[in-house]
Amino acid sequence: MSRPLLLVDAASLYFRAFHGIPASITAPDGSPVNAVRGFLDMLAQLIRTRRPDRMVCCLDADWRPAWRVALIGSYKAHRVAADGGEEVPDALSPQVPIILDALRAVGIATLGAPGCEADDIIGALAAREPGPIEVATGDRDLFQVIDDDRQVRVLYCGRGVAKLEVYDDAALHGRYGVHPAQYVDFAVLRGDPSDGLPGVAGIGDKTAAGLIARYQTLDALLAAVDAADPAVRPAQARKLAAARDYLAVAPRVVAAGAEAQVPPVDTALPAVPADERQLLALAERWNLASPLTRLTDALAETASA
């Protein structure tokens, strides 16, 4: 069986590492490195258990693209810091460059693109790269990229990498009652407070899934509302009609950019570090010898398997 391309939603994982690993984990100078250590250990475990031969850590080059904000002004508005950037814990921000330095020294590809969030990078790569593909993320919106025909699955890390859940079409339908191609419409209807997406008032997971299951698409549902289909309850019809402006633009905001202009990337996973000297320097400066050793050992084991 072919080995997978592993697409990692990097920010999703390092935020989880930051909140899951004690802040007492520090470098010799006292700088926090808990997110770095946790993230590197997550990668090591993913490589060891999923056995990829290709890998890309996908980045938020633009965490709140202006074109999305132009469509829905509330998009991630609650996460905007005073300086206009993303509100990130003070102890996490300086750790992100260390993570990127470590990935560069190891030789694991990273990729971002102007105007793109990590979701867009993942959506584009999942659409264009040969399968099998596995997407490691804690973001439910990426369930939309699941594609059994192209062997694209999601490794959902909502409870951590050690307890990841593997989602294909059947698993997604079993949990939510919708198929991957319907997930964007489902997500638009129910909304997502963590992204500032209001959804439709009074429509949660179960109602959204039931409506999509009946009508298959958001467009068909809205056509039914326009036609006064008696299968749509009057209260639901009023709420859907009131949300018409939101529903007209929200699918574009939620969709992971399969059409995004994402540059080529060498996805090959190295068997040995790309820059051993830089890796040793990082290990010494930031107290990362153990996690970097676990990561490079995982690479060697996977390459020789």
C-alpha atoms as a PDB file:
ATOM      1  CA  MET A   1       0.000   0.000   0.000  1.00  0.00           C
ATOM      2  CA  SER A   2       1.246   3.486  -0.881  1.00  0.00           C
ATOM      3  CA  ARG A   3       2.409   5.658   1.961  1.00  0.00           C
ATOM      4  CA  PRO A   4       0.490   8.862   2.606  1.00  0.00           C
ATOM      5  CA  LEU A   5       1.270  12.507   2.160  1.00  0.00           C
ATOM      6  CA  LEU A   6       0.813  13.998   5.632  1.00  0.00           C
ATOM      7  CA  LEU A   7      -0.520  17.570   5.619  1.00  0.00           C
ATOM      8  CA  VAL A   8      -0.148  19.162   9.042  1.00  0.00           C
ATOM      9  CA  ASP A   9      -2.246  22.124  10.154  1.00  0.00           C
ATOM     10  CA  ALA A  10       0.732  23.573  11.998  1.00  0.00           C
ATOM     11  CA  ALA A  11      -0.963  26.356  13.990  1.00  0.00           C
ATOM     12  CA  SER A  12      -3.735  24.008  15.104  1.00  0.00           C
ATOM     13  CA  LEU A  13      -1.162  21.633  16.540  1.00  0.00           C
ATOM     14  CA  TYR A  14       1.194  24.136  18.143  1.00  0.00           C
ATOM     15  CA  PHE A  15      -1.683  25.954  19.848  1.00  0.00           C
ATOM     16  CA  ARG A  16      -2.745  22.588  21.288  1.00  0.00           C
ATOM     17  CA  ALA A  17       0.816  21.863  22.337  1.00  0.00           C
ATOM     18  CA  PHE A  18       1.075  25.248  24.044  1.00  0.00           C
ATOM     19  CA  HIS A  19      -2.076  24.666  26.073  1.00  0.00           C
ATOM     20  CA  GLY A  20      -1.310  21.007  26.770  1.00  0.00           C
ATOM     21  CA  ILE A  21       2.337  21.158  27.863  1.00  0.00           C
ATOM     22  CA  PRO A  22       3.315  22.877  31.145  1.00  0.00           C
ATOM     23  CA  ALA A  23       4.747  26.384  30.803  1.00  0.00           C
ATOM     24  CA  SER A  24       7.493  25.283  33.188  1.00  0.00           C
ATOM     25  CA  ILE A  25       9.239  23.664  30.201  1.00  0.00           C
ATOM     26  CA  THR A  26      11.867  26.278  29.379  1.00  0.00           C
ATOM     27  CA  ALA A  27      15.159  26.888  27.615  1.00  0.00           C
ATOM     28  CA  PRO A  28      18.383  27.471  29.617  1.00  0.00           C
ATOM     29  CA  ASP A  29      17.707  31.223  29.574  1.00  0.00           C
ATOM     30  CA  GLY A  30      14.200  30.713  30.978  1.00  0.00           C
ATOM     31  CA  SER A  31      12.353  31.253  27.680  1.00  0.00           C
ATOM     32  CA  PRO A  32       9.232  29.075  27.327  1.00  0.00           C
ATOM     33  CA  VAL A  33       9.561  26.231  24.829  1.00  0.00           C
ATOM     34  CA  ASN A  34       6.565  24.118  25.817  1.00  0.00           C
ATOM     35  CA  ALA A  35       4.811  24.638  22.470  1.00  0.00           C
ATOM     36  CA  VAL A  36       7.991  23.805  20.559  1.00  0.00           C
ATOM     37  CA  ARG A  37       8.615  20.596  22.471  1.00  0.00           C
ATOM     38  CA  GLY A  38       4.981  19.543  22.295  1.00  0.00           C
ATOM     39  CA  PHE A  39       4.730  20.270  18.578  1.00  0.00           C
ATOM     40  CA  LEU A  40       7.913  18.360  17.742  1.00  0.00           C
ATOM     41  CA  ASP A  41       6.702  15.386  19.770  1.00  0.00           C
ATOM     42  CA  MET A  42       3.363  15.493  17.962  1.00  0.00           C
ATOM     43  CA  LEU A  43       5.168  15.346  14.615  1.00  0.00           C
ATOM     44  CA  ALA A  44       7.346  12.465  15.807  1.00  0.00           C
ATOM     45  CA  GLN A  45       4.292  10.496  16.879  1.00  0.00           C
ATOM     46  CA  LEU A  46       2.436  11.206  13.644  1.00  0.00           C
ATOM     47  CA  ILE A  47       5.429  10.117  11.570  1.00  0.00           C
ATOM     48  CA  ARG A  48       5.956   6.988  13.647  1.00  0.00           C
ATOM     49  CA  THR A  49       2.299   5.901  13.593  1.00  0.00           C
ATOM     50  CA  ARG A  50       1.138   7.063  10.135  1.00  0.00           C
ATOM     51  CA  ARG A  51       4.346   6.216   8.221  1.00  0.00           C
ATOM     52  CA  PRO A  52       4.188   9.006   5.619  1.00  0.00           C
ATOM     53  CA  ASP A  53       6.801   9.368   2.908  1.00  0.00           C
ATOM     54  CA  ARG A  54       5.739  12.946   2.119  1.00  0.00           C
ATOM     55  CA  MET A  55       4.904  15.744   4.518  1.00  0.00           C
ATOM     56  CA  VAL A  56       4.107  19.466   4.547  1.00  0.00           C
ATOM     57  CA  CYS A  57       3.500  21.670   7.575  1.00  0.00           C
ATOM     58  CA  CYS A  58       0.917  24.178   6.344  1.00  0.00           C
ATOM     59  CA  LEU A  59       1.045  27.729   7.689  1.00  0.00           C
ATOM     60  CA  ASP A  60      -1.208  30.756   8.125  1.00  0.00           C
ATOM     61  CA  ALA A  61       0.603  33.286   5.946  1.00  0.00           C
ATOM     62  CA  ASP A  62      -2.543  35.373   6.481  1.00  0.00           C
ATOM     63  CA  TRP A  63      -4.598  34.276   9.482  1.00  0.00           C
ATOM     64  CA  ARG A  64      -7.531  36.618   8.654  1.00  0.00           C
ATOM     65  CA  PRO A  65      -7.505  37.329   4.914  1.00  0.00           C
ATOM     66  CA  ALA A  66      -9.011  40.666   3.933  1.00  0.00           C
ATOM     67  CA  TRP A  67     -11.188  39.070   1.286  1.00  0.00           C
ATOM     68  CA  ARG A  68     -12.880  36.908   3.908  1.00  0.00           C
ATOM     69  CA  VAL A  69     -13.401  39.896   6.222  1.00  0.00           C
ATOM     70  CA  ALA A  70     -14.915  41.844   3.300  1.00  0.00           C
ATOM     71  CA  LEU A  71     -17.518  39.107   2.942  1.00  0.00           C
ATOM     72  CA  ILE A  72     -18.229  38.637   6.663  1.00  0.00           C
ATOM     73  CA  GLY A  73     -16.993  41.461   8.884  1.00  0.00           C
ATOM     74  CA  SER A  74     -17.231  39.381  12.060  1.00  0.00           C
ATOM     75  CA  TYR A  75     -14.828  36.766  10.685  1.00  0.00           C
ATOM     76  CA  LYS A  76     -12.305  36.132  13.509  1.00  0.00           C
ATOM     77  CA  ALA A  77     -12.936  39.699  14.730  1.00  0.00           C
ATOM     78  CA  HIS A  78     -12.870  38.605  18.371  1.00  0.00           C
ATOM     79  CA  ARG A  79      -9.290  37.374  17.902  1.00  0.00           C
ATOM     80  CA  VAL A  80      -7.848  40.655  16.636  1.00  0.00           C
ATOM     81  CA  ALA A  81      -5.185  42.106  18.954  1.00  0.00           C
ATOM     82  CA  ALA A  82      -4.727  45.799  19.688  1.00  0.00           C
ATOM     83  CA  ASP A  83      -2.005  46.034  17.020  1.00  0.00           C
ATOM     84  CA  GLY A  84      -4.307  44.546  14.394  1.00  0.00           C
ATOM     85  CA  GLY A  85      -2.613  41.146  14.345  1.00  0.00           C
ATOM     86  CA  GLU A  86      -3.835  37.885  15.775  1.00  0.00           C
ATOM     87  CA  GLU A  87      -4.276  37.693  19.521  1.00  0.00           C
ATOM     88  CA  VAL A  88      -1.704  35.057  20.483  1.00  0.00           C
ATOM     89  CA  PRO A  89      -0.548  34.293  24.039  1.00  0.00           C
ATOM     90  CA  ASP A  90       2.601  36.256  24.848  1.00  0.00           C
ATOM     91  CA  ALA A  91       4.475  33.080  25.729  1.00  0.00           C
ATOM     92  CA  LEU A  92       3.559  31.414  22.418  1.00  0.00           C
ATOM     93  CA  SER A  93       4.486  34.106  19.882  1.00  0.00           C
ATOM     94  CA  PRO A  94       8.288  33.830  20.318  1.00  0.00           C
ATOM     95  CA  GLN A  95       8.091  30.048  20.049  1.00  0.00           C
ATOM     96  CA  VAL A  96       6.703  30.015  16.500  1.00  0.00           C
ATOM     97  CA  PRO A  97      10.005  31.124  14.855  1.00  0.00           C
ATOM     98  CA  ILE A  98      11.805  28.394  16.809  1.00  0.00           C
ATOM     99  CA  ILE A  99       9.367  25.818  15.434  1.00  0.00           C
ATOM    100  CA  LEU A 100      10.014  27.060  11.902  1.00  0.00           C
ATOM    101  CA  ASP A 101      13.794  26.978  12.453  1.00  0.00           C
ATOM    102  CA  ALA A 102      13.534  23.402  13.703  1.00  0.00           C
ATOM    103  CA  LEU A 103      11.450  22.298  10.720  1.00  0.00           C
ATOM    104  CA  ARG A 104      13.948  23.940   8.352  1.00  0.00           C
ATOM    105  CA  ALA A 105      16.900  22.230  10.023  1.00  0.00           C
ATOM    106  CA  VAL A 106      15.182  18.849   9.989  1.00  0.00           C
ATOM    107  CA  GLY A 107      14.165  19.303   6.347  1.00  0.00           C
ATOM    108  CA  ILE A 108      10.376  19.065   6.706  1.00  0.00           C
ATOM    109  CA  ALA A 109       8.633  21.273   4.151  1.00  0.00           C
ATOM    110  CA  THR A 110       6.587  24.270   5.272  1.00  0.00           C
ATOM    111  CA  LEU A 111       4.220  26.187   3.047  1.00  0.00           C
ATOM    112  CA  GLY A 112       2.146  29.338   3.239  1.00  0.00           C
ATOM    113  CA  ALA A 113       0.909  31.730   0.563  1.00  0.00           C
ATOM    114  CA  PRO A 114      -0.260  35.373   0.466  1.00  0.00           C
ATOM    115  CA  GLY A 115      -3.924  35.762   1.337  1.00  0.00           C
ATOM    116  CA  CYS A 116      -4.148  32.149   2.472  1.00  0.00           C
ATOM    117  CA  GLU A 117      -4.797  30.466   5.773  1.00  0.00           C
ATOM    118  CA  ALA A 118      -3.417  27.008   6.482  1.00  0.00           C
ATOM    119  CA  ASP A 119      -6.842  25.598   5.564  1.00  0.00           C
ATOM    120  CA  ASP A 120      -6.452  27.029   2.066  1.00  0.00           C
ATOM    121  CA  ILE A 121      -3.008  25.491   1.656  1.00  0.00           C
ATOM    122  CA  ILE A 122      -4.354  22.126   2.805  1.00  0.00           C
ATOM    123  CA  GLY A 123      -7.388  22.384   0.522  1.00  0.00           C
ATOM    124  CA  ALA A 124      -5.202  23.170  -2.482  1.00  0.00           C
ATOM    125  CA  LEU A 125      -2.667  20.421  -1.795  1.00  0.00           C
ATOM    126  CA  ALA A 126      -5.384  17.863  -1.035  1.00  0.00           C
ATOM    127  CA  ALA A 127      -6.968  18.650  -4.407  1.00  0.00           C
ATOM    128  CA  ARG A 128      -3.790  18.528  -6.492  1.00  0.00           C
ATOM    129  CA  GLU A 129      -1.361  16.061  -4.896  1.00  0.00           C
ATOM    130  CA  PRO A 130      -1.645  12.307  -5.493  1.00  0.00           C
ATOM    131  CA  GLY A 131      -3.150  10.247  -2.684  1.00  0.00           C
ATOM    132  CA  PRO A 132      -3.249   8.754  -0.227  1.00  0.00           C
ATOM    133  CA  ILE A 133      -3.342  11.962   1.820  1.00  0.00           C
ATOM    134  CA  GLU A 134      -3.867  12.395   5.544  1.00  0.00           C
ATOM    135  CA  VAL A 135      -4.620  15.769   7.128  1.00  0.00           C
ATOM    136  CA  ALA A 136      -3.641  16.247  10.775  1.00  0.00           C
ATOM    137  CA  THR A 137      -5.734  19.011  12.340  1.00  0.00           C
ATOM    138  CA  GLY A 138      -7.955  20.013  15.216  1.00  0.00           C
ATOM    139  CA  ASP A 139     -10.106  22.158  12.894  1.00  0.00           C
ATOM    140  CA  ARG A 140     -13.444  20.578  12.010  1.00  0.00           C
ATOM    141  CA  ASP A 141     -13.803  22.750   8.895  1.00  0.00           C
ATOM    142  CA  LEU A 142     -11.199  20.576   7.199  1.00  0.00           C
ATOM    143  CA  PHE A 143     -13.627  17.654   7.171  1.00  0.00           C
ATOM    144  CA  GLN A 144     -14.658  19.156   3.828  1.00  0.00           C
ATOM    145  CA  VAL A 145     -11.457  17.887   2.150  1.00  0.00           C
ATOM    146  CA  ILE A 146     -12.236  14.225   2.847  1.00  0.00           C
ATOM    147  CA  ASP A 147     -12.475  12.372  -0.455  1.00  0.00           C
ATOM    148  CA  ASP A 148     -12.682   8.579  -0.513  1.00  0.00           C
ATOM    149  CA  ASP A 149     -12.100   8.431  -4.274  1.00  0.00           C
ATOM    150  CA  ARG A 150      -8.796  10.316  -3.934  1.00  0.00           C
ATOM    151  CA  GLN A 151      -7.936   8.626  -0.615  1.00  0.00           C
ATOM    152  CA  VAL A 152      -7.994  11.851   1.404  1.00  0.00           C
ATOM    153  CA  ARG A 153      -8.723  11.390   5.108  1.00  0.00           C
ATOM    154  CA  VAL A 154      -8.619  13.635   8.157  1.00  0.00           C
ATOM    155  CA  LEU A 155      -6.738  12.754  11.328  1.00  0.00           C
ATOM    156  CA  TYR A 156      -8.746  14.784  13.811  1.00  0.00           C
ATOM    157  CA  CYS A 157      -6.599  15.783  16.788  1.00  0.00           C
ATOM    158  CA  GLY A 158      -9.272  17.458  18.883  1.00  0.00           C
ATOM    159  CA  ARG A 159      -8.309  15.284  21.859  1.00  0.00           C
ATOM    160  CA  GLY A 160      -4.602  15.278  20.995  1.00  0.00           C
ATOM    161  CA  VAL A 161      -2.409  13.298  18.627  1.00  0.00           C
ATOM    162  CA  ALA A 162      -2.356  10.301  20.977  1.00  0.00           C
ATOM    163  CA  LYS A 163      -6.143  10.042  20.639  1.00  0.00           C
ATOM    164  CA  LEU A 164      -6.579  11.125  17.042  1.00  0.00           C
ATOM    165  CA  GLU A 165      -9.732  10.070  15.209  1.00  0.00           C
ATOM    166  CA  VAL A 166      -9.499   8.967  11.576  1.00  0.00           C
ATOM    167  CA  TYR A 167     -12.298  10.361   9.420  1.00  0.00           C
ATOM    168  CA  ASP A 168     -13.336   9.120   6.012  1.00  0.00           C
ATOM    169  CA  ASP A 169     -16.757   9.620   4.390  1.00  0.00           C
ATOM    170  CA  ALA A 170     -18.445   6.928   6.496  1.00  0.00           C
ATOM    171  CA  ALA A 171     -16.997   8.191   9.782  1.00  0.00           C
ATOM    172  CA  LEU A 172     -18.011  11.770   8.998  1.00  0.00           C
ATOM    173  CA  HIS A 173     -21.530  10.751   8.039  1.00  0.00           C
ATOM    174  CA  GLY A 174     -21.763   8.623  11.161  1.00  0.00           C
ATOM    175  CA  ARG A 175     -20.910  11.605  13.367  1.00  0.00           C
ATOM    176  CA  TYR A 176     -22.723  14.459  11.640  1.00  0.00           C
ATOM    177  CA  GLY A 177     -25.144  12.927   9.138  1.00  0.00           C
ATOM    178  CA  VAL A 178     -23.555  14.706   6.169  1.00  0.00           C
ATOM    179  CA  HIS A 179     -21.001  13.778   3.516  1.00  0.00           C
ATOM    180  CA  PRO A 180     -17.754  15.711   2.931  1.00  0.00           C
ATOM    181  CA  ALA A 181     -19.118  17.551  -0.108  1.00  0.00           C
ATOM    182  CA  GLN A 182     -21.965  18.803   2.102  1.00  0.00           C
ATOM    183  CA  TYR A 183     -19.823  19.829   5.044  1.00  0.00           C
ATOM    184  CA  VAL A 184     -19.363  23.477   4.031  1.00  0.00           C
ATOM    185  CA  ASP A 185     -23.137  24.000   3.704  1.00  0.00           C
ATOM    186  CA  PHE A 186     -23.665  22.249   7.040  1.00  0.00           C
ATOM    187  CA  ALA A 187     -20.999  24.385   8.735  1.00  0.00           C
ATOM    188  CA  VAL A 188     -22.448  27.582   7.279  1.00  0.00           C
ATOM    189  CA  LEU A 189     -25.898  26.802   8.651  1.00  0.00           C
ATOM    190  CA  ARG A 190     -24.786  25.955  12.182  1.00  0.00           C
ATOM    191  CA  GLY A 191     -22.115  28.665  12.372  1.00  0.00           C
ATOM    192  CA  ASP A 192     -18.891  28.666  14.348  1.00  0.00           C
ATOM    193  CA  PRO A 193     -18.380  31.180  17.177  1.00  0.00           C
ATOM    194  CA  SER A 194     -14.648  30.412  17.287  1.00  0.00           C
ATOM    195  CA  ASP A 195     -14.357  31.884  13.771  1.00  0.00           C
ATOM    196  CA  GLY A 196     -16.936  34.614  14.192  1.00  0.00           C
ATOM    197  CA  LEU A 197     -19.437  32.925  11.872  1.00  0.00           C
ATOM    198  CA  PRO A 198     -22.960  33.554  13.170  1.00  0.00           C
ATOM    199  CA  GLY A 199     -24.757  30.733  11.401  1.00  0.00           C
ATOM    200  CA  VAL A 200     -28.557  30.834  11.185  1.00  0.00           C
ATOM    201  CA  ALA A 201     -30.382  31.658  14.403  1.00  0.00           C
ATOM    202  CA  GLY A 202     -31.837  28.594  16.065  1.00  0.00           C
ATOM    203  CA  ILE A 203     -30.142  26.102  13.742  1.00  0.00           C
ATOM    204  CA  GLY A 204     -27.610  23.847  15.452  1.00  0.00           C
ATOM    205  CA  ASP A 205     -25.852  20.659  14.412  1.00  0.00           C
ATOM    206  CA  LYS A 206     -28.892  18.364  14.329  1.00  0.00           C
ATOM    207  CA  THR A 207     -31.195  20.756  12.522  1.00  0.00           C
ATOM    208  CA  ALA A 208     -28.503  21.740  10.008  1.00  0.00           C
ATOM    209  CA  ALA A 209     -27.716  18.084   9.294  1.00  0.00           C
ATOM    210  CA  GLY A 210     -31.393  17.241   8.901  1.00  0.00           C
ATOM    211  CA  LEU A 211     -31.970  20.074   6.433  1.00  0.00           C
ATOM    212  CA  ILE A 212     -28.897  19.196   4.367  1.00  0.00           C
ATOM    213  CA  ALA A 213     -29.818  15.499   4.403  1.00  0.00           C
ATOM    214  CA  ARG A 214     -33.296  16.357   3.089  1.00  0.00           C
ATOM    215  CA  TYR A 215     -32.284  18.905   0.437  1.00  0.00           C
ATOM    216  CA  GLN A 216     -28.660  17.820  -0.237  1.00  0.00           C
ATOM    217  CA  THR A 217     -27.367  21.376  -0.779  1.00  0.00           C
ATOM    218  CA  LEU A 218     -27.802  24.851   0.682  1.00  0.00           C
ATOM    219  CA  ASP A 219     -28.970  26.163  -2.699  1.00  0.00           C
ATOM    220  CA  ALA A 220     -31.684  23.524  -2.869  1.00  0.00           C
ATOM    221  CA  LEU A 221     -32.748  24.336   0.690  1.00  0.00           C
ATOM    222  CA  LEU A 222     -33.055  28.051  -0.106  1.00  0.00           C
ATOM    223  CA  ALA A 223     -35.003  27.228  -3.257  1.00  0.00           C
ATOM    224  CA  ALA A 224     -37.391  25.229  -1.090  1.00  0.00           C
ATOM    225  CA  VAL A 225     -37.801  28.228   1.209  1.00  0.00           C
ATOM    226  CA  ASP A 226     -38.572  30.444  -1.788  1.00  0.00           C
ATOM    227  CA  ALA A 227     -41.101  27.903  -3.019  1.00  0.00           C
ATOM    228  CA  ALA A 228     -42.761  27.734   0.425  1.00  0.00           C
ATOM    229  CA  ASP A 229     -42.058  24.001   0.653  1.00  0.00           C
ATOM    230  CA  PRO A 230     -44.221  22.781   3.537  1.00  0.00           C
ATOM    231  CA  ALA A 231     -41.402  20.443   4.620  1.00  0.00           C
ATOM    232  CA  VAL A 232     -39.523  23.528   5.851  1.00  0.00           C
ATOM    233  CA  ARG A 233     -41.101  24.632   9.097  1.00  0.00           C
ATOM    234  CA  PRO A 234     -42.407  28.213   9.024  1.00  0.00           C
ATOM    235  CA  ALA A 235     -40.084  29.316  11.838  1.00  0.00           C
ATOM    236  CA  GLN A 236     -37.087  27.795  10.040  1.00  0.00           C
ATOM    237  CA  ALA A 237     -38.133  29.401   6.755  1.00  0.00           C
ATOM    238  CA  ARG A 238     -38.290  32.823   8.411  1.00  0.00           C
ATOM    239  CA  LYS A 239     -34.866  32.399   9.980  1.00  0.00           C
ATOM    240  CA  LEU A 240     -33.326  31.200   6.725  1.00  0.00           C
ATOM    241  CA  ALA A 241     -34.879  34.088   4.833  1.00  0.00           C
ATOM    242  CA  ALA A 242     -33.571  36.559   7.410  1.00  0.00           C
ATOM    243  CA  ALA A 243     -30.062  35.127   7.005  1.00  0.00           C
ATOM    244  CA  ARG A 244     -30.127  35.308   3.207  1.00  0.00           C
ATOM    245  CA  ASP A 245     -27.276  37.861   2.922  1.00  0.00           C
ATOM    246  CA  TYR A 246     -25.046  35.804   5.219  1.00  0.00           C
ATOM    247  CA  LEU A 247     -25.880  32.568   3.397  1.00  0.00           C
ATOM    248  CA  ALA A 248     -24.986  34.139   0.052  1.00  0.00           C
ATOM    249  CA  VAL A 249     -21.345  34.699   1.040  1.00  0.00           C
ATOM    250  CA  ALA A 250     -20.570  32.329   3.921  1.00  0.00           C
ATOM    251  CA  PRO A 251     -19.822  29.238   1.764  1.00  0.00           C
ATOM    252  CA  ARG A 252     -16.933  31.134   0.124  1.00  0.00           C
ATOM    253  CA  VAL A 253     -15.579  32.063   3.545  1.00  0.00           C
ATOM    254  CA  VAL A 254     -15.772  28.527   4.948  1.00  0.00           C
ATOM    255  CA  ALA A 255     -14.459  26.708   1.872  1.00  0.00           C
ATOM    256  CA  ALA A 256     -10.810  25.601   2.122  1.00  0.00           C
ATOM    257  CA  GLY A 257      -9.205  27.100  -0.971  1.00  0.00           C
ATOM    258  CA  ALA A 258      -8.843  24.236  -3.405  1.00  0.00           C
ATOM    259  CA  GLU A 259      -8.445  26.940  -6.072  1.00  0.00           C
ATOM    260  CA  ALA A 260      -5.904  28.978  -4.106  1.00  0.00           C
ATOM    261  CA  GLN A 261      -2.692  29.958  -5.881  1.00  0.00           C
ATOM    262  CA  VAL A 262      -0.346  27.769  -3.876  1.00  0.00           C
ATOM    263  CA  PRO A 263       3.256  27.430  -5.102  1.00  0.00           C
ATOM    264  CA  PRO A 264       4.936  24.094  -5.782  1.00  0.00           C
ATOM    265  CA  VAL A 265       6.562  22.386  -2.819  1.00  0.00           C
ATOM    266  CA  ASP A 266       8.927  19.450  -2.401  1.00  0.00           C
ATOM    267  CA  THR A 267       6.855  17.152  -0.216  1.00  0.00           C
ATOM    268  CA  ALA A 268       9.503  14.431   0.247  1.00  0.00           C
ATOM    269  CA  LEU A 269      10.090  13.502   3.872  1.00  0.00           C
ATOM    270  CA  PRO A 270      13.810  13.328   4.669  1.00  0.00           C
ATOM    271  CA  ALA A 271      15.439  10.283   6.220  1.00  0.00           C
ATOM    272  CA  VAL A 272      18.164  12.385   7.859  1.00  0.00           C
ATOM    273  CA  PRO A 273      18.275  16.035   8.971  1.00  0.00           C
ATOM    274  CA  ALA A 274      18.879  18.640   6.290  1.00  0.00           C
ATOM    275  CA  ASP A 275      21.211  20.677   8.504  1.00  0.00           C
ATOM    276  CA  GLU A 276      22.760  18.670  11.331  1.00  0.00           C
ATOM    277  CA  ARG A 277      24.866  21.592  12.588  1.00  0.00           C
ATOM    278  CA  GLN A 278      21.852  23.903  12.859  1.00  0.00           C
ATOM    279  CA  LEU A 279      19.862  21.150  14.542  1.00  0.00           C
ATOM    280  CA  LEU A 280      22.540  20.716  17.204  1.00  0.00           C
ATOM    281  CA  ALA A 281      22.654  24.469  17.754  1.00  0.00           C
ATOM    282  CA  LEU A 282      18.886  24.610  18.235  1.00  0.00           C
ATOM    283  CA  ALA A 283      18.966  21.628  20.578  1.00  0.00           C
ATOM    284  CA  GLU A 284      21.572  23.306  22.773  1.00  0.00           C
ATOM    285  CA  ARG A 285      20.165  26.829  22.758  1.00  0.00           C
ATOM    286  CA  TRP A 286      16.540  25.881  23.389  1.00  0.00           C
ATOM    287  CA  ASN A 287      16.869  22.671  25.414  1.00  0.00           C
ATOM    288  CA  LEU A 288      15.381  20.609  22.583  1.00  0.00           C
ATOM    289  CA  ALA A 289      17.760  17.651  22.420  1.00  0.00           C
ATOM    290  CA  SER A 290      15.167  15.066  23.465  1.00  0.00           C
ATOM    291  CA  PRO A 291      12.268  16.076  21.173  1.00  0.00           C
ATOM    292  CA  LEU A 292      14.586  16.636  18.205  1.00  0.00           C
ATOM    293  CA  THR A 293      16.145  13.221  18.759  1.00  0.00           C
ATOM    294  CA  ARG A 294      12.677  11.636  18.891  1.00  0.00           C
ATOM    295  CA  LEU A 295      11.739  13.387  15.665  1.00  0.00           C
ATOM    296  CA  THR A 296      14.892  12.436  13.762  1.00  0.00           C
ATOM    297  CA  ASP A 297      14.635   8.856  15.058  1.00  0.00           C
ATOM    298  CA  ALA A 298      11.050   8.712  13.771  1.00  0.00           C
ATOM    299  CA  LEU A 299      12.217   9.911  10.365  1.00  0.00           C
ATOM    300  CA  ALA A 300      14.945   7.271  10.220  1.00  0.00           C
ATOM    301  CA  GLU A 301      12.619   4.500  11.327  1.00  0.00           C
ATOM    302  CA  THR A 302       9.977   5.443   8.780  1.00  0.00           C
ATOM    303  CA  ALA A 303      12.505   5.688   5.950  1.00  0.00           C
ATOM    304  CA  SER A 304      13.879   2.223   6.699  1.00  0.00           C
ATOM    305  CA  ALA A 305      10.525   0.491   7.222  1.00  0.00           C
END
